[in-house]
């Protein structure tokens, strides 16, 4: 006679299974999810290097190409973390198989954790691939590996959780495109990826420091080059606080079934 299976306080098997599914989902189409971001980012690097010269223009005491490269790595990393979680939820809604996520014995915390970690993994894999591909052109070195790793993980997790929130809010791909075009992309491009925020006049300099994307770009750049426009320690605290807030918000939406249950 069948008996009730008990998983304990945490359903580790279910959490691992959902995480594994998320990783295999992007790994099985690596040409699209890993190789394509590498090519796109290298094209960005080539265009800016040809337009401004790889060593003739200096920003914050660094050749522009060396200043730019960490920001491009971070953009590729975070955009793919966001894409992984948001597309999972929107595709499931559009195809009508969101029930496959809701029916297994997974708590809202386990659902949030598995999806967020899947997006985090994709972000780190893409970031590592882009970074390795840039070494011959930008000569990237690690000034502080631990700081760079902290910001890589926290930034990928932040965008992965933002992807969860966007996926839960979106009912179709138009909604997801709106979140990407009107929130994620502007914040990324205004974060100091392509320029030093030290050049901004007031009040724009102060406004830029209210952008959480500024801290993830600035902190990661410090880990690679040793240069930072802002306070690296404050950036670490901002990233940690942002991730806690986003995780709690994602958990709440899963718990209440926001746009998931009829």
Protein backbone atom coordinates (compact mmCIF):
# COMPACT_ATOMS: atom_id res chain seq x y z
CA UNK A 1 0.00 0.00 0.00
CA UNK A 2 1.47 3.41 -0.93
CA UNK A 3 2.66 5.48 2.00
CA UNK A 4 3.12 9.21 2.38
CA UNK A 5 6.68 10.24 1.60
CA UNK A 6 8.16 12.71 4.04
CA UNK A 7 10.96 15.05 3.00
CA UNK A 8 11.85 16.77 6.27
CA UNK A 9 12.12 20.54 6.75
CA UNK A 10 13.65 20.95 3.28
CA UNK A 11 12.87 18.87 0.22
CA UNK A 12 16.49 18.66 -0.90
CA UNK A 13 15.73 16.13 -3.62
CA UNK A 14 13.03 18.31 -5.15
CA UNK A 15 15.13 21.45 -4.86
CA UNK A 16 18.10 19.74 -6.51
CA UNK A 17 15.89 18.29 -9.25
CA UNK A 18 14.40 21.68 -10.15
CA UNK A 19 17.86 23.31 -10.03
CA UNK A 20 19.27 20.55 -12.26
CA UNK A 21 16.41 21.03 -14.70
CA UNK A 22 17.17 24.77 -14.91
CA UNK A 23 20.86 24.14 -15.54
CA UNK A 24 20.23 21.46 -18.19
CA UNK A 25 17.72 23.77 -19.88
CA UNK A 26 20.44 26.27 -20.81
CA UNK A 27 23.31 23.79 -21.03
CA UNK A 28 21.60 21.73 -23.74
CA UNK A 29 21.46 24.79 -25.99
CA UNK A 30 24.90 26.16 -25.11
CA UNK A 31 25.40 27.63 -28.57
CA UNK A 32 22.52 30.02 -27.90
CA UNK A 33 22.93 30.56 -24.16
CA UNK A 34 26.73 30.61 -23.75
CA UNK A 35 28.49 31.01 -27.10
CA UNK A 36 26.17 33.75 -28.40
CA UNK A 37 26.75 36.11 -25.42
CA UNK A 38 30.52 35.63 -25.84
CA UNK A 39 30.35 36.69 -29.50
CA UNK A 40 28.06 39.64 -28.76
CA UNK A 41 30.28 40.93 -25.95
CA UNK A 42 33.44 40.61 -28.05
CA UNK A 43 31.72 42.64 -30.77
CA UNK A 44 30.96 45.38 -28.22
CA UNK A 45 34.61 45.34 -27.17
CA UNK A 46 35.84 45.48 -30.77
CA UNK A 47 33.54 48.37 -31.72
CA UNK A 48 34.60 50.52 -28.77
CA UNK A 49 38.26 49.63 -29.21
CA UNK A 50 38.18 50.59 -32.90
CA UNK A 51 36.18 53.74 -32.25
CA UNK A 52 38.30 55.07 -29.39
CA UNK A 53 41.58 53.21 -29.71
CA UNK A 54 42.64 50.44 -27.39
CA UNK A 55 45.28 52.48 -25.61
CA UNK A 56 44.98 56.08 -26.78
CA UNK A 57 42.05 56.96 -24.47
CA UNK A 58 42.39 56.61 -20.72
CA UNK A 59 39.55 56.50 -18.20
CA UNK A 60 40.29 56.68 -14.48
CA UNK A 61 43.96 56.09 -15.24
CA UNK A 62 43.29 52.91 -17.24
CA UNK A 63 43.35 52.27 -20.97
CA UNK A 64 39.71 52.45 -22.01
CA UNK A 65 39.56 48.85 -23.19
CA UNK A 66 40.75 47.65 -19.77
CA UNK A 67 38.25 49.95 -18.05
CA UNK A 68 35.41 48.75 -20.28
CA UNK A 69 36.05 45.00 -20.25
CA UNK A 70 34.93 44.22 -16.65
CA UNK A 71 31.67 46.11 -17.20
CA UNK A 72 30.96 44.13 -20.36
CA UNK A 73 31.66 40.86 -18.55
CA UNK A 74 29.26 41.88 -15.79
CA UNK A 75 26.55 42.90 -18.28
CA UNK A 76 26.76 39.56 -20.09
CA UNK A 77 26.70 37.71 -16.78
CA UNK A 78 23.69 39.48 -15.32
CA UNK A 79 21.62 39.69 -18.49
CA UNK A 80 21.84 35.93 -18.91
CA UNK A 81 21.00 35.29 -15.26
CA UNK A 82 17.89 37.45 -15.72
CA UNK A 83 16.97 35.74 -18.99
CA UNK A 84 17.20 32.26 -17.49
CA UNK A 85 14.68 32.71 -14.68
CA UNK A 86 12.31 35.09 -16.44
CA UNK A 87 12.04 32.93 -19.56
CA UNK A 88 11.42 29.80 -17.48
CA UNK A 89 8.31 31.28 -15.89
CA UNK A 90 6.93 33.10 -18.93
CA UNK A 91 7.37 30.10 -21.25
CA UNK A 92 5.64 27.89 -18.67
CA UNK A 93 2.73 30.32 -18.48
CA UNK A 94 2.39 30.74 -22.24
CA UNK A 95 2.61 27.00 -22.92
CA UNK A 96 0.24 26.20 -20.07
CA UNK A 97 2.60 23.88 -18.19
CA UNK A 98 3.18 26.12 -15.16
CA UNK A 99 1.37 23.39 -13.22
CA UNK A 100 4.56 21.30 -13.56
CA UNK A 101 6.26 23.83 -11.30
CA UNK A 102 3.39 24.22 -8.85
CA UNK A 103 2.31 20.60 -8.29
CA UNK A 104 5.56 19.02 -6.98
CA UNK A 105 5.98 19.07 -3.18
CA UNK A 106 8.15 22.18 -3.17
CA UNK A 107 7.67 25.08 -0.78
CA UNK A 108 7.76 28.69 -2.05
CA UNK A 109 11.26 29.04 -0.54
CA UNK A 110 12.46 25.93 -2.38
CA UNK A 111 10.95 27.11 -5.68
CA UNK A 112 12.58 30.51 -5.28
CA UNK A 113 15.95 29.04 -4.34
CA UNK A 114 16.07 26.49 -7.17
CA UNK A 115 15.10 28.98 -9.88
CA UNK A 116 17.41 31.69 -8.54
CA UNK A 117 20.37 29.32 -8.27
CA UNK A 118 19.74 28.10 -11.82
CA UNK A 119 19.93 31.67 -13.10
CA UNK A 120 22.99 32.32 -10.93
CA UNK A 121 24.73 29.30 -12.45
CA UNK A 122 24.04 30.45 -15.99
CA UNK A 123 25.32 33.93 -15.15
CA UNK A 124 28.58 32.62 -13.70
CA UNK A 125 29.16 30.21 -16.61
CA UNK A 126 28.56 32.96 -19.19
CA UNK A 127 30.70 35.42 -17.21
CA UNK A 128 33.60 32.95 -17.02
CA UNK A 129 33.36 32.22 -20.76
CA UNK A 130 33.30 35.93 -21.65
CA UNK A 131 36.15 36.75 -19.28
CA UNK A 132 38.37 34.01 -20.71
CA UNK A 133 37.60 35.10 -24.27
CA UNK A 134 38.59 38.72 -23.44
CA UNK A 135 41.98 37.96 -21.90
CA UNK A 136 43.90 38.01 -25.22
CA UNK A 137 42.41 41.42 -26.12
CA UNK A 138 42.01 43.28 -22.83
CA UNK A 139 44.71 41.64 -20.73
CA UNK A 140 42.39 41.17 -17.76
CA UNK A 141 44.08 40.50 -14.44
CA UNK A 142 42.66 39.87 -10.99
CA UNK A 143 43.43 42.64 -8.53
CA UNK A 144 41.28 41.03 -5.82
CA UNK A 145 39.84 37.62 -6.79
CA UNK A 146 37.65 37.35 -3.69
CA UNK A 147 36.04 40.76 -4.29
CA UNK A 148 35.49 39.97 -7.97
CA UNK A 149 33.94 36.60 -7.11
CA UNK A 150 31.68 38.13 -4.45
CA UNK A 151 30.32 40.71 -6.88
CA UNK A 152 29.97 38.16 -9.69
CA UNK A 153 27.88 35.86 -7.48
CA UNK A 154 25.81 38.59 -5.84
CA UNK A 155 25.12 40.43 -9.10
CA UNK A 156 24.12 37.23 -10.91
CA UNK A 157 21.87 36.30 -7.99
CA UNK A 158 20.31 39.79 -7.97
CA UNK A 159 19.41 39.65 -11.66
CA UNK A 160 18.28 36.04 -11.31
CA UNK A 161 15.84 37.10 -8.59
CA UNK A 162 14.74 40.10 -10.66
CA UNK A 163 14.07 37.59 -13.43
CA UNK A 164 11.88 35.57 -11.06
CA UNK A 165 9.88 38.67 -10.15
CA UNK A 166 9.57 39.73 -13.80
CA UNK A 167 8.52 36.22 -14.82
CA UNK A 168 5.88 36.06 -12.10
CA UNK A 169 4.54 39.49 -13.05
CA UNK A 170 4.56 38.90 -16.82
CA UNK A 171 1.66 37.12 -18.44
CA UNK A 172 3.15 37.13 -21.94
CA UNK A 173 6.42 37.94 -23.68
CA UNK A 174 5.35 41.56 -24.30
CA UNK A 175 5.29 42.16 -20.55
CA UNK A 176 8.71 40.59 -20.15
CA UNK A 177 10.09 42.72 -22.99
CA UNK A 178 8.72 45.82 -21.25
CA UNK A 179 10.51 44.92 -18.01
CA UNK A 180 13.73 44.35 -19.93
CA UNK A 181 13.56 47.46 -22.11
CA UNK A 182 12.26 49.95 -19.56
CA UNK A 183 13.90 48.76 -16.35
CA UNK A 184 16.84 46.37 -16.77
CA UNK A 185 18.51 47.89 -19.85
CA UNK A 186 18.35 51.57 -18.72
CA UNK A 187 19.69 50.70 -15.26
CA UNK A 188 22.52 48.68 -16.83
CA UNK A 189 23.53 51.34 -19.36
CA UNK A 190 23.38 54.12 -16.73
CA UNK A 191 25.48 52.19 -14.21
CA UNK A 192 28.92 53.33 -15.35
CA UNK A 193 29.59 50.38 -17.63
CA UNK A 194 30.83 52.55 -20.50
CA UNK A 195 32.08 55.56 -18.54
CA UNK A 196 33.37 56.60 -15.14
CA UNK A 197 30.67 58.11 -12.95
CA UNK A 198 33.34 60.49 -11.59
CA UNK A 199 32.80 62.52 -14.76
CA UNK A 200 29.14 63.13 -13.98
CA UNK A 201 28.15 66.54 -12.61
CA UNK A 202 25.83 66.90 -9.66
CA UNK A 203 23.06 65.90 -9.12
CA UNK A 204 23.65 63.08 -11.62
CA UNK A 205 26.61 61.73 -9.67
CA UNK A 206 24.48 61.34 -6.54
CA UNK A 207 21.60 59.89 -8.55
CA UNK A 208 23.95 57.32 -10.13
CA UNK A 209 24.88 56.08 -6.64
CA UNK A 210 21.22 55.20 -5.99
CA UNK A 211 21.36 52.74 -8.89
CA UNK A 212 22.13 49.25 -7.49
CA UNK A 213 23.55 48.29 -10.89
CA UNK A 214 26.28 50.90 -10.32
CA UNK A 215 27.57 48.97 -7.31
CA UNK A 216 27.72 45.63 -9.07
CA UNK A 217 29.66 47.11 -12.02
CA UNK A 218 31.91 49.24 -9.82
CA UNK A 219 32.71 46.47 -7.35
CA UNK A 220 33.46 43.91 -10.04
CA UNK A 221 35.66 46.45 -11.86
CA UNK A 222 37.57 47.00 -8.62
CA UNK A 223 38.12 43.26 -8.26
CA UNK A 224 39.63 43.12 -11.76
CA UNK A 225 41.48 46.45 -12.10
CA UNK A 226 41.79 47.88 -8.60
CA UNK A 227 39.84 51.03 -9.54
CA UNK A 228 36.46 51.93 -8.05
CA UNK A 229 34.35 55.07 -8.37
CA UNK A 230 32.44 54.32 -5.18
CA UNK A 231 32.92 52.60 -1.84
CA UNK A 232 33.49 48.87 -2.35
CA UNK A 233 32.40 47.94 1.17
CA UNK A 234 29.18 49.92 0.84
CA UNK A 235 28.57 48.22 -2.48
CA UNK A 236 28.87 44.80 -0.83
CA UNK A 237 26.26 45.79 1.73
CA UNK A 238 23.93 47.18 -0.94
CA UNK A 239 24.17 43.99 -2.99
CA UNK A 240 23.48 41.80 0.05
CA UNK A 241 20.50 43.91 1.13
CA UNK A 242 19.08 43.98 -2.39
CA UNK A 243 19.28 40.20 -2.69
CA UNK A 244 17.58 39.65 0.67
CA UNK A 245 14.76 42.02 -0.32
CA UNK A 246 14.33 40.42 -3.76
CA UNK A 247 14.38 36.90 -2.30
CA UNK A 248 11.69 37.81 0.22
CA UNK A 249 9.57 39.42 -2.50
CA UNK A 250 9.91 36.37 -4.76
CA UNK A 251 9.03 34.04 -1.89
CA UNK A 252 5.94 36.12 -1.09
CA UNK A 253 4.69 36.02 -4.69
CA UNK A 254 5.18 32.26 -4.91
CA UNK A 255 3.44 31.81 -1.56
CA UNK A 256 0.43 33.85 -2.60
CA UNK A 257 0.31 32.34 -6.10
CA UNK A 258 0.54 35.76 -7.74
CA UNK A 259 -0.49 35.33 -11.39
CA UNK A 260 0.18 31.63 -11.05
CA UNK A 261 -3.08 30.23 -9.73
CA UNK A 262 -6.52 30.82 -11.27
